[in-house]
Amino acid sequence: MDPGIQRLAERGYDIAHAFDAHAAACEPGWEHLARGPRVGILIGNTRALWEPFLAAANLDEADPLDRYTERAIAAAFGDAPAYFTHREHGGAFLPFSRLAVATGLGALAPSHLVIHPIYGPWLALRAVVLVDGEPPARSPIPKPCTCAEACATALAAALPSTRWEDWLAVRDACPLRTYRYSVAQIRYHYSKAWGRSPRGG
């Protein structure tokens, strides 16, 4: 395993999906990928992030997960060009879901969630890093689930709602639930109003 990818995995980022960055530059919003190194690595996590994050992050700083992600990627890849889901680039947030679908990491559900064939919707996209090398060939994958009606119904209920539980129900509508996050991790990610430390959840 590449040492950088190994370092990320040790910090809970267990998704490192390599792709041809120059080929992906044809996707709207990702045109700038044509100007950098050839290999893109789409980095994300499943529920594997939770324990390493709690053990190493500074939970008292602003946006601790974003800062933890930045530090983990810098430790793994140094000053390689990196694009983050939590930052604006060129005045806008980048369409990470579009890239994940185009490069075969997952397929798009009617709920607009990326569905992985193993992890289902229980993953989060964090960044793209560009490195030198020869990229693997990638193509879109078939849809790994058949929850169109349930997903659409849950999404329709969530769109006018301000309750995070209704947005959780969109993800829960997918039948691929083996890798569902723990209750504490769900509450941390979904509830902006949750005022206690995640260690107490």
C-alpha atoms as a PDB file:
ATOM      1  CA  MET A   1       0.000   0.000   0.000  1.00  0.00           C
ATOM      2  CA  ASP A   2       1.172   3.530  -0.776  1.00  0.00           C
ATOM      3  CA  PRO A   3       2.645   5.074   2.422  1.00  0.00           C
ATOM      4  CA  GLY A   4       0.425   8.140   2.153  1.00  0.00           C
ATOM      5  CA  ILE A   5      -2.709   6.051   1.805  1.00  0.00           C
ATOM      6  CA  GLN A   6      -1.573   3.902   4.726  1.00  0.00           C
ATOM      7  CA  ARG A   7      -1.161   7.004   6.917  1.00  0.00           C
ATOM      8  CA  LEU A   8      -4.652   8.140   5.978  1.00  0.00           C
ATOM      9  CA  ALA A   9      -6.122   4.733   6.797  1.00  0.00           C
ATOM     10  CA  GLU A  10      -4.498   4.831  10.228  1.00  0.00           C
ATOM     11  CA  ARG A  11      -6.311   8.122  10.842  1.00  0.00           C
ATOM     12  CA  GLY A  12      -9.664   6.700   9.787  1.00  0.00           C
ATOM     13  CA  TYR A  13      -9.774   7.740   6.135  1.00  0.00           C
ATOM     14  CA  ASP A  14     -10.335   4.289   4.692  1.00  0.00           C
ATOM     15  CA  ILE A  15     -11.467   5.395   1.227  1.00  0.00           C
ATOM     16  CA  ALA A  16      -8.676   6.394  -1.178  1.00  0.00           C
ATOM     17  CA  HIS A  17     -10.040   6.058  -4.713  1.00  0.00           C
ATOM     18  CA  ALA A  18      -7.425   6.719  -7.406  1.00  0.00           C
ATOM     19  CA  PHE A  19      -8.556   8.002 -10.806  1.00  0.00           C
ATOM     20  CA  ASP A  20      -7.324   9.768 -13.931  1.00  0.00           C
ATOM     21  CA  ALA A  21      -7.486  13.441 -12.980  1.00  0.00           C
ATOM     22  CA  HIS A  22      -6.961  14.651 -16.542  1.00  0.00           C
ATOM     23  CA  ALA A  23      -9.835  12.509 -17.820  1.00  0.00           C
ATOM     24  CA  ALA A  24     -12.049  13.711 -14.958  1.00  0.00           C
ATOM     25  CA  ALA A  25     -11.379  17.316 -15.960  1.00  0.00           C
ATOM     26  CA  CYS A  26     -14.226  17.001 -18.462  1.00  0.00           C
ATOM     27  CA  GLU A  27     -16.682  16.928 -15.552  1.00  0.00           C
ATOM     28  CA  PRO A  28     -18.343  20.314 -14.923  1.00  0.00           C
ATOM     29  CA  GLY A  29     -16.680  22.053 -12.019  1.00  0.00           C
ATOM     30  CA  TRP A  30     -13.492  20.008 -12.217  1.00  0.00           C
ATOM     31  CA  GLU A  31     -11.858  21.590 -15.274  1.00  0.00           C
ATOM     32  CA  HIS A  32      -8.801  22.674 -13.263  1.00  0.00           C
ATOM     33  CA  LEU A  33      -7.778  19.027 -12.763  1.00  0.00           C
ATOM     34  CA  ALA A  34      -6.291  19.133 -16.253  1.00  0.00           C
ATOM     35  CA  ARG A  35      -3.552  21.461 -15.010  1.00  0.00           C
ATOM     36  CA  GLY A  36      -2.119  19.310 -12.204  1.00  0.00           C
ATOM     37  CA  PRO A  37      -0.553  15.872 -11.701  1.00  0.00           C
ATOM     38  CA  ARG A  38      -2.206  12.989 -13.515  1.00  0.00           C
ATOM     39  CA  VAL A  39      -3.391  10.857 -10.567  1.00  0.00           C
ATOM     40  CA  GLY A  40      -6.277  12.062  -8.451  1.00  0.00           C
ATOM     41  CA  ILE A  41      -7.081  10.380  -5.138  1.00  0.00           C
ATOM     42  CA  LEU A  42     -10.628  10.875  -3.891  1.00  0.00           C
ATOM     43  CA  ILE A  43     -10.398  10.597  -0.108  1.00  0.00           C
ATOM     44  CA  GLY A  44     -13.251   9.755   2.214  1.00  0.00           C
ATOM     45  CA  ASN A  45     -14.265   7.720   5.191  1.00  0.00           C
ATOM     46  CA  THR A  46     -16.779   5.256   6.511  1.00  0.00           C
ATOM     47  CA  ARG A  47     -17.593   4.729  10.185  1.00  0.00           C
ATOM     48  CA  ALA A  48     -13.877   3.821  10.552  1.00  0.00           C
ATOM     49  CA  LEU A  49     -13.124   7.524  11.098  1.00  0.00           C
ATOM     50  CA  TRP A  50     -14.896   7.883  14.412  1.00  0.00           C
ATOM     51  CA  GLU A  51     -12.498   6.330  16.940  1.00  0.00           C
ATOM     52  CA  PRO A  52      -9.264   7.749  15.434  1.00  0.00           C
ATOM     53  CA  PHE A  53     -10.911  11.161  15.224  1.00  0.00           C
ATOM     54  CA  LEU A  54     -11.985  11.120  18.870  1.00  0.00           C
ATOM     55  CA  ALA A  55      -8.558   9.933  19.966  1.00  0.00           C
ATOM     56  CA  ALA A  56      -6.505  12.538  18.103  1.00  0.00           C
ATOM     57  CA  ALA A  57      -8.603  15.589  17.274  1.00  0.00           C
ATOM     58  CA  ASN A  58      -8.737  18.790  19.281  1.00  0.00           C
ATOM     59  CA  LEU A  59     -12.445  18.923  20.001  1.00  0.00           C
ATOM     60  CA  ASP A  60     -12.218  22.419  21.480  1.00  0.00           C
ATOM     61  CA  GLU A  61     -11.088  24.123  18.269  1.00  0.00           C
ATOM     62  CA  ALA A  62     -13.469  25.460  15.655  1.00  0.00           C
ATOM     63  CA  ASP A  63     -14.562  22.845  13.104  1.00  0.00           C
ATOM     64  CA  PRO A  64     -12.455  20.032  14.602  1.00  0.00           C
ATOM     65  CA  LEU A  65     -13.256  17.497  11.883  1.00  0.00           C
ATOM     66  CA  ASP A  66     -12.241  19.876   9.102  1.00  0.00           C
ATOM     67  CA  ARG A  67      -8.968  20.680  10.856  1.00  0.00           C
ATOM     68  CA  TYR A  68      -8.333  16.991  11.571  1.00  0.00           C
ATOM     69  CA  THR A  69      -8.883  16.212   7.887  1.00  0.00           C
ATOM     70  CA  GLU A  70      -6.486  18.931   6.758  1.00  0.00           C
ATOM     71  CA  ARG A  71      -3.766  17.767   9.132  1.00  0.00           C
ATOM     72  CA  ALA A  72      -4.201  14.115   8.155  1.00  0.00           C
ATOM     73  CA  ILE A  73      -3.909  14.856   4.444  1.00  0.00           C
ATOM     74  CA  ALA A  74      -0.897  17.151   4.943  1.00  0.00           C
ATOM     75  CA  ALA A  75       0.824  14.433   6.991  1.00  0.00           C
ATOM     76  CA  ALA A  76       0.110  11.848   4.300  1.00  0.00           C
ATOM     77  CA  PHE A  77       0.850  13.842   1.141  1.00  0.00           C
ATOM     78  CA  GLY A  78       2.863  16.898   2.166  1.00  0.00           C
ATOM     79  CA  ASP A  79       2.316  19.856  -0.124  1.00  0.00           C
ATOM     80  CA  ALA A  80       0.560  17.940  -2.927  1.00  0.00           C
ATOM     81  CA  PRO A  81      -2.336  19.924  -4.414  1.00  0.00           C
ATOM     82  CA  ALA A  82      -5.476  19.242  -2.366  1.00  0.00           C
ATOM     83  CA  TYR A  83      -9.128  20.246  -2.715  1.00  0.00           C
ATOM     84  CA  PHE A  84     -11.476  19.893   0.257  1.00  0.00           C
ATOM     85  CA  THR A  85     -15.221  19.452   0.465  1.00  0.00           C
ATOM     86  CA  HIS A  86     -15.427  21.942   3.335  1.00  0.00           C
ATOM     87  CA  ARG A  87     -13.653  24.766   1.504  1.00  0.00           C
ATOM     88  CA  GLU A  88     -14.596  26.968  -1.410  1.00  0.00           C
ATOM     89  CA  HIS A  89     -12.212  26.775  -4.365  1.00  0.00           C
ATOM     90  CA  GLY A  90     -12.404  29.590  -6.856  1.00  0.00           C
ATOM     91  CA  GLY A  91     -15.405  31.013  -5.004  1.00  0.00           C
ATOM     92  CA  ALA A  92     -17.476  27.833  -5.004  1.00  0.00           C
ATOM     93  CA  PHE A  93     -17.698  24.414  -3.407  1.00  0.00           C
ATOM     94  CA  LEU A  94     -16.647  21.665  -5.793  1.00  0.00           C
ATOM     95  CA  PRO A  95     -19.120  18.989  -6.994  1.00  0.00           C
ATOM     96  CA  PHE A  96     -17.584  16.011  -5.214  1.00  0.00           C
ATOM     97  CA  SER A  97     -20.610  13.763  -5.747  1.00  0.00           C
ATOM     98  CA  ARG A  98     -20.349  14.258  -9.508  1.00  0.00           C
ATOM     99  CA  LEU A  99     -16.683  13.258  -9.392  1.00  0.00           C
ATOM    100  CA  ALA A 100     -17.391  10.184  -7.241  1.00  0.00           C
ATOM    101  CA  VAL A 101     -19.988   8.963  -9.727  1.00  0.00           C
ATOM    102  CA  ALA A 102     -17.912   9.746 -12.827  1.00  0.00           C
ATOM    103  CA  THR A 103     -14.872   7.871 -11.473  1.00  0.00           C
ATOM    104  CA  GLY A 104     -16.788   4.792 -10.329  1.00  0.00           C
ATOM    105  CA  LEU A 105     -16.608   5.169  -6.557  1.00  0.00           C
ATOM    106  CA  GLY A 106     -20.384   4.943  -6.279  1.00  0.00           C
ATOM    107  CA  ALA A 107     -23.666   5.618  -8.040  1.00  0.00           C
ATOM    108  CA  LEU A 108     -26.120   8.436  -7.438  1.00  0.00           C
ATOM    109  CA  ALA A 109     -29.400   7.610  -5.689  1.00  0.00           C
ATOM    110  CA  PRO A 110     -32.677   9.528  -6.241  1.00  0.00           C
ATOM    111  CA  SER A 111     -31.886  11.162  -2.887  1.00  0.00           C
ATOM    112  CA  HIS A 112     -28.692  12.584  -4.470  1.00  0.00           C
ATOM    113  CA  LEU A 113     -26.524  10.560  -2.081  1.00  0.00           C
ATOM    114  CA  VAL A 114     -23.543   8.655  -3.463  1.00  0.00           C
ATOM    115  CA  ILE A 115     -24.157   4.932  -2.895  1.00  0.00           C
ATOM    116  CA  HIS A 116     -21.111   2.687  -2.605  1.00  0.00           C
ATOM    117  CA  PRO A 117     -21.589  -1.008  -3.513  1.00  0.00           C
ATOM    118  CA  ILE A 118     -20.240  -2.098  -0.086  1.00  0.00           C
ATOM    119  CA  TYR A 119     -20.752   0.860   2.252  1.00  0.00           C
ATOM    120  CA  GLY A 120     -24.049   2.036   0.818  1.00  0.00           C
ATOM    121  CA  PRO A 121     -24.664   5.717   1.667  1.00  0.00           C
ATOM    122  CA  TRP A 122     -22.594   5.475   4.864  1.00  0.00           C
ATOM    123  CA  LEU A 123     -19.523   7.287   3.627  1.00  0.00           C
ATOM    124  CA  ALA A 124     -18.334  10.872   3.490  1.00  0.00           C
ATOM    125  CA  LEU A 125     -16.189  12.510   0.828  1.00  0.00           C
ATOM    126  CA  ARG A 126     -13.477  14.764   2.256  1.00  0.00           C
ATOM    127  CA  ALA A 127     -10.904  15.778  -0.352  1.00  0.00           C
ATOM    128  CA  VAL A 128      -9.108  15.172  -3.618  1.00  0.00           C
ATOM    129  CA  VAL A 129      -5.304  15.054  -3.674  1.00  0.00           C
ATOM    130  CA  LEU A 130      -3.252  15.162  -6.887  1.00  0.00           C
ATOM    131  CA  VAL A 131      -0.048  13.142  -7.184  1.00  0.00           C
ATOM    132  CA  ASP A 132       2.285  11.996  -9.942  1.00  0.00           C
ATOM    133  CA  GLY A 133       1.997   8.541 -11.466  1.00  0.00           C
ATOM    134  CA  GLU A 134      -0.056   6.430 -13.831  1.00  0.00           C
ATOM    135  CA  PRO A 135      -3.781   6.427 -13.017  1.00  0.00           C
ATOM    136  CA  PRO A 136      -6.055   3.383 -13.189  1.00  0.00           C
ATOM    137  CA  ALA A 137      -8.845   3.251 -15.739  1.00  0.00           C
ATOM    138  CA  ARG A 138     -12.210   4.053 -14.155  1.00  0.00           C
ATOM    139  CA  SER A 139     -15.793   4.163 -15.364  1.00  0.00           C
ATOM    140  CA  PRO A 140     -19.206   4.653 -13.737  1.00  0.00           C
ATOM    141  CA  ILE A 141     -20.654   1.634 -11.927  1.00  0.00           C
ATOM    142  CA  PRO A 142     -24.190   0.221 -11.961  1.00  0.00           C
ATOM    143  CA  LYS A 143     -26.542   1.385  -9.253  1.00  0.00           C
ATOM    144  CA  PRO A 144     -25.943  -0.968  -6.273  1.00  0.00           C
ATOM    145  CA  CYS A 145     -29.419  -0.740  -4.699  1.00  0.00           C
ATOM    146  CA  THR A 146     -33.101  -0.528  -5.672  1.00  0.00           C
ATOM    147  CA  CYS A 147     -34.534   1.936  -3.173  1.00  0.00           C
ATOM    148  CA  ALA A 148     -35.791   4.558  -5.625  1.00  0.00           C
ATOM    149  CA  GLU A 149     -39.278   4.932  -4.125  1.00  0.00           C
ATOM    150  CA  ALA A 150     -38.140   4.918  -0.507  1.00  0.00           C
ATOM    151  CA  CYS A 151     -35.326   7.379  -1.218  1.00  0.00           C
ATOM    152  CA  ALA A 152     -37.592   9.747  -3.100  1.00  0.00           C
ATOM    153  CA  THR A 153     -40.241   9.636  -0.362  1.00  0.00           C
ATOM    154  CA  ALA A 154     -37.708  10.332   2.384  1.00  0.00           C
ATOM    155  CA  LEU A 155     -36.166  13.183   0.399  1.00  0.00           C
ATOM    156  CA  ALA A 156     -39.573  14.783  -0.215  1.00  0.00           C
ATOM    157  CA  ALA A 157     -40.244  14.720   3.534  1.00  0.00           C
ATOM    158  CA  ALA A 158     -36.825  16.160   4.389  1.00  0.00           C
ATOM    159  CA  LEU A 159     -36.698  19.040   1.912  1.00  0.00           C
ATOM    160  CA  PRO A 160     -39.136  21.317   3.799  1.00  0.00           C
ATOM    161  CA  SER A 161     -37.892  20.151   7.208  1.00  0.00           C
ATOM    162  CA  THR A 162     -35.445  21.753   9.614  1.00  0.00           C
ATOM    163  CA  ARG A 163     -35.112  18.578  11.699  1.00  0.00           C
ATOM    164  CA  TRP A 164     -31.821  16.717  11.248  1.00  0.00           C
ATOM    165  CA  GLU A 165     -33.628  13.469  11.981  1.00  0.00           C
ATOM    166  CA  ASP A 166     -35.560  13.872   8.725  1.00  0.00           C
ATOM    167  CA  TRP A 167     -32.302  14.184   6.794  1.00  0.00           C
ATOM    168  CA  LEU A 168     -30.952  11.122   8.568  1.00  0.00           C
ATOM    169  CA  ALA A 169     -34.073   9.286   7.389  1.00  0.00           C
ATOM    170  CA  VAL A 170     -33.004   9.962   3.786  1.00  0.00           C
ATOM    171  CA  ARG A 171     -29.798   8.012   4.355  1.00  0.00           C
ATOM    172  CA  ASP A 172     -31.597   5.360   6.393  1.00  0.00           C
ATOM    173  CA  ALA A 173     -33.986   4.750   3.483  1.00  0.00           C
ATOM    174  CA  CYS A 174     -31.210   2.897   1.654  1.00  0.00           C
ATOM    175  CA  PRO A 175     -31.293  -0.870   2.309  1.00  0.00           C
ATOM    176  CA  LEU A 176     -27.471  -1.039   2.416  1.00  0.00           C
ATOM    177  CA  ARG A 177     -27.097  -0.518   6.173  1.00  0.00           C
ATOM    178  CA  THR A 178     -24.277  -2.824   7.288  1.00  0.00           C
ATOM    179  CA  TYR A 179     -21.861   0.094   7.631  1.00  0.00           C
ATOM    180  CA  ARG A 180     -24.292   2.501   9.290  1.00  0.00           C
ATOM    181  CA  TYR A 181     -22.544   4.984  11.587  1.00  0.00           C
ATOM    182  CA  SER A 182     -22.792   4.631  15.364  1.00  0.00           C
ATOM    183  CA  VAL A 183     -25.387   6.721  17.183  1.00  0.00           C
ATOM    184  CA  ALA A 184     -22.667   9.045  18.514  1.00  0.00           C
ATOM    185  CA  GLN A 185     -21.153   9.561  15.071  1.00  0.00           C
ATOM    186  CA  ILE A 186     -24.562  10.207  13.530  1.00  0.00           C
ATOM    187  CA  ARG A 187     -25.393  12.811  16.152  1.00  0.00           C
ATOM    188  CA  TYR A 188     -22.044  14.535  15.688  1.00  0.00           C
ATOM    189  CA  HIS A 189     -22.377  14.774  11.910  1.00  0.00           C
ATOM    190  CA  TYR A 190     -26.080  15.620  11.723  1.00  0.00           C
ATOM    191  CA  SER A 191     -26.946  17.751  14.700  1.00  0.00           C
ATOM    192  CA  LYS A 192     -25.412  21.220  14.554  1.00  0.00           C
ATOM    193  CA  ALA A 193     -27.334  22.086  17.722  1.00  0.00           C
ATOM    194  CA  TRP A 194     -25.910  19.222  19.742  1.00  0.00           C
ATOM    195  CA  GLY A 195     -23.985  21.057  22.435  1.00  0.00           C
ATOM    196  CA  ARG A 196     -22.164  18.234  24.197  1.00  0.00           C
ATOM    197  CA  SER A 197     -18.755  16.766  23.405  1.00  0.00           C
ATOM    198  CA  PRO A 198     -19.005  13.715  21.104  1.00  0.00           C
ATOM    199  CA  ARG A 199     -17.241  11.774  23.855  1.00  0.00           C
ATOM    200  CA  GLY A 200     -20.467  11.988  25.833  1.00  0.00           C
ATOM    201  CA  GLY A 201     -22.698  10.674  23.040  1.00  0.00           C
END
